[in-house]
Amino acid sequence: MTQTQVFSAEQPVRTKSDVLASIGNLKQRIEEATEALQKASEGKDVPSEQQQEEMAEVSEFVKIYRRNLETEELNLQRLMRGERLTF
């Protein structure tokens, strides 16, 4: 395949159901991670250094998931306005 063929190839189009599935998946991940953080912080003992690092890592994932969720919600709005989204 030449470079021209690669760039002119049709990109797969995202559908409303693709975006809705992604939104649902992200919401579930956020909920599960938030619950895990709450359970970890409810412990009576002071978390070890490793546990604190793991909790910080999970917190970062939650931030990333929330940012991705915002993007997907914007993508859904764009689709509802009739815009075409590609992967």
PDB file of N, CA and C in Angstrom:
ATOM      1  N   MET A   1       0.844  -1.167   0.000  1.00  0.00           N
ATOM      2  CA  MET A   1       0.000   0.000   0.000  1.00  0.00           C
ATOM      3  C   MET A   1       0.897   1.240   0.000  1.00  0.00           C
ATOM      4  N   THR A   2       0.606   2.156  -0.888  1.00  0.00           N
ATOM      5  CA  THR A   2       1.396   3.384  -0.940  1.00  0.00           C
ATOM      6  C   THR A   2       0.935   4.347   0.143  1.00  0.00           C
ATOM      7  N   GLN A   3       1.743   5.360   0.361  1.00  0.00           N
ATOM      8  CA  GLN A   3       1.400   6.346   1.387  1.00  0.00           C
ATOM      9  C   GLN A   3       0.087   7.045   1.038  1.00  0.00           C
ATOM     10  N   THR A   4      -0.139   7.320  -0.220  1.00  0.00           N
ATOM     11  CA  THR A   4      -1.382   7.962  -0.637  1.00  0.00           C
ATOM     12  C   THR A   4      -2.575   7.079  -0.317  1.00  0.00           C
ATOM     13  N   GLN A   5      -2.454   5.786  -0.541  1.00  0.00           N
ATOM     14  CA  GLN A   5      -3.554   4.871  -0.247  1.00  0.00           C
ATOM     15  C   GLN A   5      -3.845   4.819   1.253  1.00  0.00           C
ATOM     16  N   VAL A   6      -2.818   4.862   2.057  1.00  0.00           N
ATOM     17  CA  VAL A   6      -3.007   4.814   3.507  1.00  0.00           C
ATOM     18  C   VAL A   6      -3.794   6.031   3.971  1.00  0.00           C
ATOM     19  N   PHE A   7      -3.415   7.211   3.500  1.00  0.00           N
ATOM     20  CA  PHE A   7      -4.070   8.428   3.950  1.00  0.00           C
ATOM     21  C   PHE A   7      -5.459   8.615   3.363  1.00  0.00           C
ATOM     22  N   SER A   8      -5.726   8.020   2.229  1.00  0.00           N
ATOM     23  CA  SER A   8      -7.043   8.188   1.628  1.00  0.00           C
ATOM     24  C   SER A   8      -8.012   7.085   2.038  1.00  0.00           C
ATOM     25  N   ALA A   9      -7.540   6.112   2.791  1.00  0.00           N
ATOM     26  CA  ALA A   9      -8.413   5.014   3.222  1.00  0.00           C
ATOM     27  C   ALA A   9      -9.520   5.553   4.119  1.00  0.00           C
ATOM     28  N   GLU A  10     -10.675   4.970   3.990  1.00  0.00           N
ATOM     29  CA  GLU A  10     -11.835   5.390   4.779  1.00  0.00           C
ATOM     30  C   GLU A  10     -11.638   4.992   6.236  1.00  0.00           C
ATOM     31  N   GLN A  11     -11.822   5.949   7.133  1.00  0.00           N
ATOM     32  CA  GLN A  11     -11.725   5.690   8.570  1.00  0.00           C
ATOM     33  C   GLN A  11     -13.051   5.093   9.049  1.00  0.00           C
ATOM     34  N   PRO A  12     -13.001   4.135   9.985  1.00  0.00           N
ATOM     35  CA  PRO A  12     -14.251   3.607  10.530  1.00  0.00           C
ATOM     36  C   PRO A  12     -15.010   4.712  11.266  1.00  0.00           C
ATOM     37  N   VAL A  13     -16.304   4.717  11.114  1.00  0.00           N
ATOM     38  CA  VAL A  13     -17.150   5.752  11.711  1.00  0.00           C
ATOM     39  C   VAL A  13     -17.668   5.276  13.062  1.00  0.00           C
ATOM     40  N   ARG A  14     -17.655   6.161  14.045  1.00  0.00           N
ATOM     41  CA  ARG A  14     -18.198   5.845  15.370  1.00  0.00           C
ATOM     42  C   ARG A  14     -19.704   6.068  15.333  1.00  0.00           C
ATOM     43  N   THR A  15     -20.412   5.178  15.974  1.00  0.00           N
ATOM     44  CA  THR A  15     -21.860   5.290  16.034  1.00  0.00           C
ATOM     45  C   THR A  15     -22.291   5.708  17.432  1.00  0.00           C
ATOM     46  N   LYS A  16     -23.560   6.064  17.532  1.00  0.00           N
ATOM     47  CA  LYS A  16     -24.117   6.448  18.829  1.00  0.00           C
ATOM     48  C   LYS A  16     -23.980   5.295  19.822  1.00  0.00           C
ATOM     49  N   SER A  17     -24.219   4.074  19.369  1.00  0.00           N
ATOM     50  CA  SER A  17     -24.123   2.928  20.283  1.00  0.00           C
ATOM     51  C   SER A  17     -22.676   2.695  20.733  1.00  0.00           C
ATOM     52  N   ASP A  18     -21.689   2.964  19.862  1.00  0.00           N
ATOM     53  CA  ASP A  18     -20.273   2.865  20.261  1.00  0.00           C
ATOM     54  C   ASP A  18     -19.972   3.823  21.411  1.00  0.00           C
ATOM     55  N   VAL A  19     -20.417   5.060  21.245  1.00  0.00           N
ATOM     56  CA  VAL A  19     -20.136   6.090  22.245  1.00  0.00           C
ATOM     57  C   VAL A  19     -20.886   5.789  23.542  1.00  0.00           C
ATOM     58  N   LEU A  20     -22.142   5.355  23.431  1.00  0.00           N
ATOM     59  CA  LEU A  20     -22.913   5.019  24.637  1.00  0.00           C
ATOM     60  C   LEU A  20     -22.280   3.853  25.391  1.00  0.00           C
ATOM     61  N   ALA A  21     -21.779   2.868  24.667  1.00  0.00           N
ATOM     62  CA  ALA A  21     -21.108   1.734  25.311  1.00  0.00           C
ATOM     63  C   ALA A  21     -19.846   2.202  26.033  1.00  0.00           C
ATOM     64  N   SER A  22     -19.104   3.085  25.407  1.00  0.00           N
ATOM     65  CA  SER A  22     -17.896   3.626  26.021  1.00  0.00           C
ATOM     66  C   SER A  22     -18.238   4.416  27.284  1.00  0.00           C
ATOM     67  N   ILE A  23     -19.303   5.215  27.225  1.00  0.00           N
ATOM     68  CA  ILE A  23     -19.742   5.990  28.388  1.00  0.00           C
ATOM     69  C   ILE A  23     -20.122   5.055  29.531  1.00  0.00           C
ATOM     70  N   GLY A  24     -20.887   4.015  29.228  1.00  0.00           N
ATOM     71  CA  GLY A  24     -21.285   3.056  30.259  1.00  0.00           C
ATOM     72  C   GLY A  24     -20.088   2.363  30.886  1.00  0.00           C
ATOM     73  N   ASN A  25     -19.139   1.980  30.061  1.00  0.00           N
ATOM     74  CA  ASN A  25     -17.926   1.320  30.542  1.00  0.00           C
ATOM     75  C   ASN A  25     -17.126   2.245  31.460  1.00  0.00           C
ATOM     76  N   LEU A  26     -16.973   3.493  31.054  1.00  0.00           N
ATOM     77  CA  LEU A  26     -16.219   4.447  31.871  1.00  0.00           C
ATOM     78  C   LEU A  26     -16.917   4.715  33.200  1.00  0.00           C
ATOM     79  N   LYS A  27     -18.242   4.848  33.173  1.00  0.00           N
ATOM     80  CA  LYS A  27     -18.984   5.074  34.420  1.00  0.00           C
ATOM     81  C   LYS A  27     -18.806   3.897  35.374  1.00  0.00           C
ATOM     82  N   GLN A  28     -18.829   2.686  34.843  1.00  0.00           N
ATOM     83  CA  GLN A  28     -18.644   1.495  35.673  1.00  0.00           C
ATOM     84  C   GLN A  28     -17.237   1.474  36.275  1.00  0.00           C
ATOM     85  N   ARG A  29     -16.234   1.784  35.473  1.00  0.00           N
ATOM     86  CA  ARG A  29     -14.853   1.811  35.976  1.00  0.00           C
ATOM     87  C   ARG A  29     -14.681   2.856  37.074  1.00  0.00           C
ATOM     88  N   ILE A  30     -15.286   4.027  36.877  1.00  0.00           N
ATOM     89  CA  ILE A  30     -15.199   5.090  37.881  1.00  0.00           C
ATOM     90  C   ILE A  30     -15.846   4.634  39.180  1.00  0.00           C
ATOM     91  N   GLU A  31     -17.019   4.031  39.066  1.00  0.00           N
ATOM     92  CA  GLU A  31     -17.736   3.562  40.251  1.00  0.00           C
ATOM     93  C   GLU A  31     -16.925   2.500  41.001  1.00  0.00           C
ATOM     94  N   GLU A  32     -16.395   1.526  40.278  1.00  0.00           N
ATOM     95  CA  GLU A  32     -15.618   0.453  40.912  1.00  0.00           C
ATOM     96  C   GLU A  32     -14.356   0.993  41.580  1.00  0.00           C
ATOM     97  N   ALA A  33     -13.665   1.888  40.916  1.00  0.00           N
ATOM     98  CA  ALA A  33     -12.433   2.441  41.482  1.00  0.00           C
ATOM     99  C   ALA A  33     -12.736   3.311  42.696  1.00  0.00           C
ATOM    100  N   THR A  34     -13.814   4.079  42.629  1.00  0.00           N
ATOM    101  CA  THR A  34     -14.199   4.923  43.758  1.00  0.00           C
ATOM    102  C   THR A  34     -14.570   4.073  44.962  1.00  0.00           C
ATOM    103  N   GLU A  35     -15.310   2.989  44.723  1.00  0.00           N
ATOM    104  CA  GLU A  35     -15.666   2.077  45.817  1.00  0.00           C
ATOM    105  C   GLU A  35     -14.415   1.445  46.428  1.00  0.00           C
ATOM    106  N   ALA A  36     -13.476   1.056  45.599  1.00  0.00           N
ATOM    107  CA  ALA A  36     -12.233   0.457  46.102  1.00  0.00           C
ATOM    108  C   ALA A  36     -11.460   1.457  46.961  1.00  0.00           C
ATOM    109  N   LEU A  37     -11.429   2.710  46.533  1.00  0.00           N
ATOM    110  CA  LEU A  37     -10.745   3.738  47.320  1.00  0.00           C
ATOM    111  C   LEU A  37     -11.443   3.964  48.658  1.00  0.00           C
ATOM    112  N   GLN A  38     -12.777   3.964  48.639  1.00  0.00           N
ATOM    113  CA  GLN A  38     -13.527   4.161  49.882  1.00  0.00           C
ATOM    114  C   GLN A  38     -13.276   3.017  50.854  1.00  0.00           C
ATOM    115  N   LYS A  39     -13.299   1.793  50.356  1.00  0.00           N
ATOM    116  CA  LYS A  39     -13.047   0.629  51.214  1.00  0.00           C
ATOM    117  C   LYS A  39     -11.635   0.672  51.789  1.00  0.00           C
ATOM    118  N   ALA A  40     -10.682   1.054  50.963  1.00  0.00           N
ATOM    119  CA  ALA A  40      -9.292   1.109  51.423  1.00  0.00           C
ATOM    120  C   ALA A  40      -9.105   2.186  52.487  1.00  0.00           C
ATOM    121  N   SER A  41      -9.824   3.289  52.353  1.00  0.00           N
ATOM    122  CA  SER A  41      -9.655   4.376  53.320  1.00  0.00           C
ATOM    123  C   SER A  41     -10.454   4.140  54.599  1.00  0.00           C
ATOM    124  N   GLU A  42     -11.394   3.183  54.590  1.00  0.00           N
ATOM    125  CA  GLU A  42     -12.190   2.876  55.776  1.00  0.00           C
ATOM    126  C   GLU A  42     -11.441   2.008  56.776  1.00  0.00           C
ATOM    127  N   GLY A  43     -10.338   1.433  56.360  1.00  0.00           N
ATOM    128  CA  GLY A  43      -9.571   0.560  57.246  1.00  0.00           C
ATOM    129  C   GLY A  43      -9.141   1.292  58.507  1.00  0.00           C
ATOM    130  N   LYS A  44      -9.085   0.556  59.602  1.00  0.00           N
ATOM    131  CA  LYS A  44      -8.735   1.162  60.889  1.00  0.00           C
ATOM    132  C   LYS A  44      -7.239   1.425  60.999  1.00  0.00           C
ATOM    133  N   ASP A  45      -6.464   0.635  60.314  1.00  0.00           N
ATOM    134  CA  ASP A  45      -5.014   0.800  60.364  1.00  0.00           C
ATOM    135  C   ASP A  45      -4.573   1.860  59.363  1.00  0.00           C
ATOM    136  N   VAL A  46      -3.457   2.464  59.662  1.00  0.00           N
ATOM    137  CA  VAL A  46      -2.863   3.411  58.723  1.00  0.00           C
ATOM    138  C   VAL A  46      -2.334   2.603  57.541  1.00  0.00           C
ATOM    139  N   PRO A  47      -2.709   2.997  56.311  1.00  0.00           N
ATOM    140  CA  PRO A  47      -2.241   2.227  55.148  1.00  0.00           C
ATOM    141  C   PRO A  47      -0.719   2.256  55.036  1.00  0.00           C
ATOM    142  N   SER A  48      -0.180   1.138  54.573  1.00  0.00           N
ATOM    143  CA  SER A  48       1.268   1.064  54.354  1.00  0.00           C
ATOM    144  C   SER A  48       1.654   1.993  53.207  1.00  0.00           C
ATOM    145  N   GLU A  49       2.934   2.185  53.062  1.00  0.00           N
ATOM    146  CA  GLU A  49       3.415   3.051  51.984  1.00  0.00           C
ATOM    147  C   GLU A  49       2.994   2.499  50.626  1.00  0.00           C
ATOM    148  N   GLN A  50       3.073   1.179  50.476  1.00  0.00           N
ATOM    149  CA  GLN A  50       2.672   0.550  49.216  1.00  0.00           C
ATOM    150  C   GLN A  50       1.176   0.761  48.966  1.00  0.00           C
ATOM    151  N   GLN A  51       0.356   0.603  50.004  1.00  0.00           N
ATOM    152  CA  GLN A  51      -1.084   0.812  49.853  1.00  0.00           C
ATOM    153  C   GLN A  51      -1.389   2.266  49.492  1.00  0.00           C
ATOM    154  N   GLN A  52      -0.660   3.187  50.099  1.00  0.00           N
ATOM    155  CA  GLN A  52      -0.854   4.602  49.774  1.00  0.00           C
ATOM    156  C   GLN A  52      -0.504   4.876  48.314  1.00  0.00           C
ATOM    157  N   GLU A  53       0.571   4.259  47.836  1.00  0.00           N
ATOM    158  CA  GLU A  53       0.962   4.419  46.432  1.00  0.00           C
ATOM    159  C   GLU A  53      -0.098   3.837  45.505  1.00  0.00           C
ATOM    160  N   GLU A  54      -0.635   2.669  45.876  1.00  0.00           N
ATOM    161  CA  GLU A  54      -1.679   2.043  45.063  1.00  0.00           C
ATOM    162  C   GLU A  54      -2.938   2.903  45.040  1.00  0.00           C
ATOM    163  N   MET A  55      -3.292   3.470  46.186  1.00  0.00           N
ATOM    164  CA  MET A  55      -4.465   4.342  46.251  1.00  0.00           C
ATOM    165  C   MET A  55      -4.261   5.590  45.393  1.00  0.00           C
ATOM    166  N   ALA A  56      -3.057   6.136  45.410  1.00  0.00           N
ATOM    167  CA  ALA A  56      -2.750   7.305  44.583  1.00  0.00           C
ATOM    168  C   ALA A  56      -2.849   6.952  43.100  1.00  0.00           C
ATOM    169  N   GLU A  57      -2.388   5.753  42.757  1.00  0.00           N
ATOM    170  CA  GLU A  57      -2.456   5.296  41.364  1.00  0.00           C
ATOM    171  C   GLU A  57      -3.909   5.140  40.917  1.00  0.00           C
ATOM    172  N   VAL A  58      -4.734   4.547  41.777  1.00  0.00           N
ATOM    173  CA  VAL A  58      -6.154   4.385  41.450  1.00  0.00           C
ATOM    174  C   VAL A  58      -6.815   5.754  41.308  1.00  0.00           C
ATOM    175  N   SER A  59      -6.449   6.692  42.169  1.00  0.00           N
ATOM    176  CA  SER A  59      -6.993   8.052  42.076  1.00  0.00           C
ATOM    177  C   SER A  59      -6.652   8.686  40.733  1.00  0.00           C
ATOM    178  N   GLU A  60      -5.446   8.455  40.254  1.00  0.00           N
ATOM    179  CA  GLU A  60      -5.044   8.985  38.948  1.00  0.00           C
ATOM    180  C   GLU A  60      -5.873   8.356  37.830  1.00  0.00           C
ATOM    181  N   PHE A  61      -6.130   7.045  37.944  1.00  0.00           N
ATOM    182  CA  PHE A  61      -6.968   6.387  36.942  1.00  0.00           C
ATOM    183  C   PHE A  61      -8.370   6.981  36.941  1.00  0.00           C
ATOM    184  N   VAL A  62      -8.901   7.268  38.127  1.00  0.00           N
ATOM    185  CA  VAL A  62     -10.241   7.867  38.215  1.00  0.00           C
ATOM    186  C   VAL A  62     -10.252   9.212  37.495  1.00  0.00           C
ATOM    187  N   LYS A  63      -9.209  10.010  37.675  1.00  0.00           N
ATOM    188  CA  LYS A  63      -9.124  11.303  36.985  1.00  0.00           C
ATOM    189  C   LYS A  63      -9.117  11.107  35.470  1.00  0.00           C
ATOM    190  N   ILE A  64      -8.341  10.133  35.019  1.00  0.00           N
ATOM    191  CA  ILE A  64      -8.265   9.850  33.582  1.00  0.00           C
ATOM    192  C   ILE A  64      -9.623   9.382  33.064  1.00  0.00           C
ATOM    193  N   TYR A  65     -10.264   8.470  33.799  1.00  0.00           N
ATOM    194  CA  TYR A  65     -11.581   7.978  33.387  1.00  0.00           C
ATOM    195  C   TYR A  65     -12.589   9.114  33.308  1.00  0.00           C
ATOM    196  N   ARG A  66     -12.562  10.013  34.285  1.00  0.00           N
ATOM    197  CA  ARG A  66     -13.510  11.144  34.280  1.00  0.00           C
ATOM    198  C   ARG A  66     -13.253  12.061  33.095  1.00  0.00           C
ATOM    199  N   ARG A  67     -11.988  12.296  32.781  1.00  0.00           N
ATOM    200  CA  ARG A  67     -11.645  13.133  31.626  1.00  0.00           C
ATOM    201  C   ARG A  67     -12.117  12.459  30.333  1.00  0.00           C
ATOM    202  N   ASN A  68     -11.903  11.146  30.235  1.00  0.00           N
ATOM    203  CA  ASN A  68     -12.364  10.406  29.055  1.00  0.00           C
ATOM    204  C   ASN A  68     -13.883  10.411  28.966  1.00  0.00           C
ATOM    205  N   LEU A  69     -14.552  10.322  30.120  1.00  0.00           N
ATOM    206  CA  LEU A  69     -16.013  10.357  30.148  1.00  0.00           C
ATOM    207  C   LEU A  69     -16.520  11.696  29.623  1.00  0.00           C
ATOM    208  N   GLU A  70     -15.908  12.783  30.044  1.00  0.00           N
ATOM    209  CA  GLU A  70     -16.298  14.104  29.543  1.00  0.00           C
ATOM    210  C   GLU A  70     -16.139  14.174  28.026  1.00  0.00           C
ATOM    211  N   THR A  71     -15.039  13.638  27.522  1.00  0.00           N
ATOM    212  CA  THR A  71     -14.795  13.640  26.078  1.00  0.00           C
ATOM    213  C   THR A  71     -15.867  12.838  25.353  1.00  0.00           C
ATOM    214  N   GLU A  72     -16.205  11.661  25.889  1.00  0.00           N
ATOM    215  CA  GLU A  72     -17.212  10.823  25.241  1.00  0.00           C
ATOM    216  C   GLU A  72     -18.596  11.475  25.294  1.00  0.00           C
ATOM    217  N   GLU A  73     -18.902  12.177  26.380  1.00  0.00           N
ATOM    218  CA  GLU A  73     -20.181  12.882  26.450  1.00  0.00           C
ATOM    219  C   GLU A  73     -20.234  13.995  25.410  1.00  0.00           C
ATOM    220  N   LEU A  74     -19.115  14.662  25.182  1.00  0.00           N
ATOM    221  CA  LEU A  74     -19.047  15.668  24.116  1.00  0.00           C
ATOM    222  C   LEU A  74     -19.188  15.007  22.746  1.00  0.00           C
ATOM    223  N   ASN A  75     -18.567  13.842  22.576  1.00  0.00           N
ATOM    224  CA  ASN A  75     -18.703  13.107  21.314  1.00  0.00           C
ATOM    225  C   ASN A  75     -20.156  12.737  21.056  1.00  0.00           C
ATOM    226  N   LEU A  76     -20.867  12.331  22.105  1.00  0.00           N
ATOM    227  CA  LEU A  76     -22.279  11.986  21.951  1.00  0.00           C
ATOM    228  C   LEU A  76     -23.074  13.212  21.508  1.00  0.00           C
ATOM    229  N   GLN A  77     -22.789  14.353  22.105  1.00  0.00           N
ATOM    230  CA  GLN A  77     -23.473  15.584  21.701  1.00  0.00           C
ATOM    231  C   GLN A  77     -23.189  15.906  20.239  1.00  0.00           C
ATOM    232  N   ARG A  78     -21.937  15.709  19.829  1.00  0.00           N
ATOM    233  CA  ARG A  78     -21.579  15.965  18.434  1.00  0.00           C
ATOM    234  C   ARG A  78     -22.346  15.032  17.497  1.00  0.00           C
ATOM    235  N   LEU A  79     -22.447  13.757  17.879  1.00  0.00           N
ATOM    236  CA  LEU A  79     -23.198  12.804  17.053  1.00  0.00           C
ATOM    237  C   LEU A  79     -24.667  13.199  16.967  1.00  0.00           C
ATOM    238  N   MET A  80     -25.220  13.665  18.074  1.00  0.00           N
ATOM    239  CA  MET A  80     -26.634  14.056  18.095  1.00  0.00           C
ATOM    240  C   MET A  80     -26.880  15.267  17.187  1.00  0.00           C
ATOM    241  N   ARG A  81     -25.850  16.087  16.993  1.00  0.00           N
ATOM    242  CA  ARG A  81     -25.970  17.238  16.087  1.00  0.00           C
ATOM    243  C   ARG A  81     -25.739  16.832  14.632  1.00  0.00           C
ATOM    244  N   GLY A  82     -25.421  15.566  14.416  1.00  0.00           N
ATOM    245  CA  GLY A  82     -25.239  15.081  13.051  1.00  0.00           C
ATOM    246  C   GLY A  82     -23.801  15.089  12.565  1.00  0.00           C
ATOM    247  N   GLU A  83     -22.857  15.389  13.444  1.00  0.00           N
ATOM    248  CA  GLU A  83     -21.454  15.353  13.036  1.00  0.00           C
ATOM    249  C   GLU A  83     -21.010  13.905  12.859  1.00  0.00           C
ATOM    250  N   ARG A  84     -19.977  13.727  12.089  1.00  0.00           N
ATOM    251  CA  ARG A  84     -19.435  12.400  11.806  1.00  0.00           C
ATOM    252  C   ARG A  84     -18.154  12.225  12.604  1.00  0.00           C
ATOM    253  N   LEU A  85     -18.087  11.160  13.404  1.00  0.00           N
ATOM    254  CA  LEU A  85     -16.895  10.884  14.207  1.00  0.00           C
ATOM    255  C   LEU A  85     -16.203   9.639  13.677  1.00  0.00           C
ATOM    256  N   THR A  86     -14.880   9.679  13.675  1.00  0.00           N
ATOM    257  CA  THR A  86     -14.113   8.496  13.293  1.00  0.00           C
ATOM    258  C   THR A  86     -13.272   8.058  14.478  1.00  0.00           C
ATOM    259  N   PHE A  87     -12.819   6.805  14.437  1.00  0.00           N
ATOM    260  CA  PHE A  87     -11.979   6.269  15.512  1.00  0.00           C
ATOM    261  C   PHE A  87     -10.600   6.854  15.439  1.00  0.00           C
TER     262      PHE A  87
END
